[in-house]
Amino acid sequence: MQEYEIRIFRADNTTEAILEMQHLNDHAAIRAAQKIAEARPFEVWRDLDCIYGRTRDPIPPSPNRRAA
């Protein structure tokens, strides 16, 4: 089991909750966080590494950008 921290955010980007949990792997931690957070934004941390969330999500391409 590994230790994880789940951070759930409000719409104004302030922290709503910080939960510490143990899970078998990263995938299990992310799935649990998705269920807990529902539609709210969240991050999942293992030690000092953000394994899922706003700091890990790639920036989507601009809808106004034309393909080359």
N, C-alpha and C. Protein backbone atom coordinates (compact mmCIF):
# COMPACT_ATOMS: atom_id res chain seq x y z
N MET A 1 0.85 -1.18 0.00
CA MET A 1 0.00 0.00 0.00
C MET A 1 0.89 1.24 0.00
N GLN A 2 0.44 2.24 -0.75
CA GLN A 2 1.17 3.50 -0.82
C GLN A 2 0.30 4.62 -0.26
N GLU A 3 0.95 5.65 0.25
CA GLU A 3 0.25 6.81 0.81
C GLU A 3 -0.01 7.83 -0.31
N TYR A 4 -1.23 8.37 -0.33
CA TYR A 4 -1.61 9.38 -1.31
C TYR A 4 -2.31 10.53 -0.62
N GLU A 5 -2.21 11.70 -1.23
CA GLU A 5 -2.95 12.86 -0.76
C GLU A 5 -3.84 13.33 -1.90
N ILE A 6 -5.12 13.51 -1.60
CA ILE A 6 -6.08 13.98 -2.59
C ILE A 6 -6.49 15.39 -2.19
N ARG A 7 -6.34 16.32 -3.12
CA ARG A 7 -6.73 17.71 -2.88
C ARG A 7 -7.91 18.04 -3.78
N ILE A 8 -9.00 18.47 -3.17
CA ILE A 8 -10.21 18.84 -3.90
C ILE A 8 -10.36 20.35 -3.84
N PHE A 9 -10.70 20.96 -4.99
CA PHE A 9 -10.76 22.41 -5.08
C PHE A 9 -12.18 22.89 -5.35
N ARG A 10 -12.45 24.11 -4.92
CA ARG A 10 -13.71 24.80 -5.22
C ARG A 10 -13.59 25.45 -6.60
N ALA A 11 -14.68 26.00 -7.08
CA ALA A 11 -14.69 26.66 -8.39
C ALA A 11 -13.73 27.85 -8.44
N ASP A 12 -13.50 28.51 -7.29
CA ASP A 12 -12.60 29.67 -7.26
C ASP A 12 -11.14 29.27 -7.03
N ASN A 13 -10.83 27.97 -7.15
CA ASN A 13 -9.49 27.41 -7.02
C ASN A 13 -8.94 27.40 -5.60
N THR A 14 -9.76 27.66 -4.60
CA THR A 14 -9.32 27.49 -3.23
C THR A 14 -9.51 26.03 -2.83
N THR A 15 -8.74 25.59 -1.86
CA THR A 15 -8.81 24.21 -1.42
C THR A 15 -10.05 23.97 -0.59
N GLU A 16 -10.81 22.95 -0.98
CA GLU A 16 -12.00 22.57 -0.23
C GLU A 16 -11.68 21.47 0.77
N ALA A 17 -10.84 20.50 0.37
CA ALA A 17 -10.52 19.39 1.26
C ALA A 17 -9.18 18.78 0.87
N ILE A 18 -8.49 18.26 1.88
CA ILE A 18 -7.27 17.49 1.67
C ILE A 18 -7.46 16.18 2.42
N LEU A 19 -7.35 15.09 1.68
CA LEU A 19 -7.57 13.76 2.26
C LEU A 19 -6.30 12.94 2.11
N GLU A 20 -5.95 12.20 3.14
CA GLU A 20 -4.82 11.28 3.07
C GLU A 20 -5.37 9.87 3.07
N MET A 21 -4.90 9.06 2.10
CA MET A 21 -5.42 7.70 1.94
C MET A 21 -4.30 6.76 1.54
N GLN A 22 -4.57 5.48 1.67
CA GLN A 22 -3.66 4.44 1.19
C GLN A 22 -4.35 3.67 0.09
N HIS A 23 -3.60 3.42 -1.00
CA HIS A 23 -4.12 2.65 -2.12
C HIS A 23 -3.03 1.72 -2.63
N LEU A 24 -3.45 0.71 -3.39
CA LEU A 24 -2.49 -0.26 -3.93
C LEU A 24 -1.58 0.34 -4.99
N ASN A 25 -2.14 1.29 -5.79
CA ASN A 25 -1.33 1.88 -6.87
C ASN A 25 -1.92 3.23 -7.28
N ASP A 26 -1.25 3.89 -8.21
CA ASP A 26 -1.68 5.21 -8.67
C ASP A 26 -3.08 5.17 -9.28
N HIS A 27 -3.34 4.16 -10.08
CA HIS A 27 -4.65 4.06 -10.74
C HIS A 27 -5.78 3.98 -9.72
N ALA A 28 -5.60 3.18 -8.69
CA ALA A 28 -6.63 3.05 -7.65
C ALA A 28 -6.84 4.37 -6.92
N ALA A 29 -5.77 5.10 -6.68
CA ALA A 29 -5.86 6.39 -5.99
C ALA A 29 -6.62 7.41 -6.85
N ILE A 30 -6.33 7.43 -8.13
CA ILE A 30 -6.99 8.37 -9.03
C ILE A 30 -8.47 8.05 -9.16
N ARG A 31 -8.80 6.77 -9.28
CA ARG A 31 -10.22 6.37 -9.37
C ARG A 31 -10.98 6.76 -8.10
N ALA A 32 -10.37 6.56 -6.94
CA ALA A 32 -11.02 6.93 -5.69
C ALA A 32 -11.22 8.44 -5.63
N ALA A 33 -10.23 9.19 -6.05
CA ALA A 33 -10.33 10.65 -6.04
C ALA A 33 -11.44 11.14 -6.97
N GLN A 34 -11.58 10.51 -8.13
CA GLN A 34 -12.65 10.89 -9.07
C GLN A 34 -14.02 10.70 -8.43
N LYS A 35 -14.20 9.62 -7.71
CA LYS A 35 -15.49 9.37 -7.06
C LYS A 35 -15.75 10.37 -5.94
N ILE A 36 -14.74 10.66 -5.16
CA ILE A 36 -14.89 11.59 -4.03
C ILE A 36 -15.14 13.01 -4.53
N ALA A 37 -14.35 13.43 -5.52
CA ALA A 37 -14.43 14.82 -6.01
C ALA A 37 -15.68 15.09 -6.83
N GLU A 38 -16.28 14.05 -7.39
CA GLU A 38 -17.42 14.18 -8.29
C GLU A 38 -17.03 15.11 -9.44
N ALA A 39 -17.66 16.23 -9.62
CA ALA A 39 -17.35 17.11 -10.75
C ALA A 39 -16.33 18.20 -10.40
N ARG A 40 -15.90 18.24 -9.15
CA ARG A 40 -14.95 19.28 -8.72
C ARG A 40 -13.54 18.95 -9.20
N PRO A 41 -12.73 19.97 -9.44
CA PRO A 41 -11.34 19.72 -9.82
C PRO A 41 -10.57 19.14 -8.64
N PHE A 42 -9.57 18.29 -8.95
CA PHE A 42 -8.79 17.66 -7.89
C PHE A 42 -7.39 17.32 -8.37
N GLU A 43 -6.53 17.06 -7.41
CA GLU A 43 -5.17 16.58 -7.68
C GLU A 43 -4.92 15.36 -6.80
N VAL A 44 -4.05 14.47 -7.29
CA VAL A 44 -3.62 13.31 -6.50
C VAL A 44 -2.11 13.37 -6.41
N TRP A 45 -1.60 13.30 -5.18
CA TRP A 45 -0.17 13.39 -4.91
C TRP A 45 0.32 12.11 -4.26
N ARG A 46 1.49 11.63 -4.71
CA ARG A 46 2.22 10.54 -4.07
C ARG A 46 3.55 11.15 -3.65
N ASP A 47 3.75 11.25 -2.38
CA ASP A 47 4.93 11.94 -1.84
C ASP A 47 4.94 13.37 -2.37
N LEU A 48 6.02 13.78 -3.04
CA LEU A 48 6.11 15.14 -3.57
C LEU A 48 5.75 15.22 -5.05
N ASP A 49 5.23 14.11 -5.60
CA ASP A 49 4.90 14.05 -7.02
C ASP A 49 3.40 14.15 -7.24
N CYS A 50 3.00 15.10 -8.06
CA CYS A 50 1.60 15.20 -8.46
C CYS A 50 1.41 14.20 -9.60
N ILE A 51 0.60 13.16 -9.36
CA ILE A 51 0.42 12.13 -10.38
C ILE A 51 -0.84 12.35 -11.21
N TYR A 52 -1.72 13.24 -10.75
CA TYR A 52 -2.91 13.56 -11.52
C TYR A 52 -3.44 14.91 -11.07
N GLY A 53 -3.90 15.70 -12.03
CA GLY A 53 -4.53 16.96 -11.68
C GLY A 53 -4.04 18.11 -12.51
N ARG A 54 -4.36 19.28 -12.05
CA ARG A 54 -4.10 20.49 -12.82
C ARG A 54 -2.63 20.69 -13.13
N THR A 55 -1.75 20.30 -12.24
CA THR A 55 -0.32 20.50 -12.51
C THR A 55 0.24 19.44 -13.44
N ARG A 56 -0.53 18.37 -13.72
CA ARG A 56 -0.08 17.31 -14.60
C ARG A 56 -0.81 17.29 -15.93
N ASP A 57 -1.99 17.89 -16.00
CA ASP A 57 -2.78 17.85 -17.23
C ASP A 57 -2.08 18.65 -18.32
N PRO A 58 -1.98 18.08 -19.54
CA PRO A 58 -1.40 18.86 -20.63
C PRO A 58 -2.33 20.01 -21.01
N ILE A 59 -1.74 21.07 -21.54
CA ILE A 59 -2.53 22.22 -21.98
C ILE A 59 -3.17 21.84 -23.32
N PRO A 60 -4.49 21.89 -23.41
CA PRO A 60 -5.14 21.51 -24.68
C PRO A 60 -4.83 22.54 -25.76
N PRO A 61 -4.81 22.10 -27.02
CA PRO A 61 -4.55 23.06 -28.10
C PRO A 61 -5.69 24.07 -28.20
N SER A 62 -5.35 25.25 -28.66
CA SER A 62 -6.33 26.30 -28.81
C SER A 62 -7.31 25.91 -29.92
N PRO A 63 -8.62 26.12 -29.73
CA PRO A 63 -9.57 25.79 -30.80
C PRO A 63 -9.41 26.69 -32.02
N ASN A 64 -8.73 27.82 -31.86
CA ASN A 64 -8.52 28.75 -32.99
C ASN A 64 -7.27 28.44 -33.78
N ARG A 65 -6.47 27.48 -33.30
CA ARG A 65 -5.23 27.17 -33.98
C ARG A 65 -5.49 26.26 -35.17
N ARG A 66 -4.89 26.61 -36.31
CA ARG A 66 -5.05 25.80 -37.53
C ARG A 66 -3.99 24.70 -37.56
N ALA A 67 -4.39 23.57 -38.10
CA ALA A 67 -3.44 22.47 -38.27
C ALA A 67 -2.43 22.85 -39.35
N ALA A 68 -1.20 22.38 -39.16
CA ALA A 68 -0.14 22.69 -40.12
C ALA A 68 -0.22 21.82 -41.34
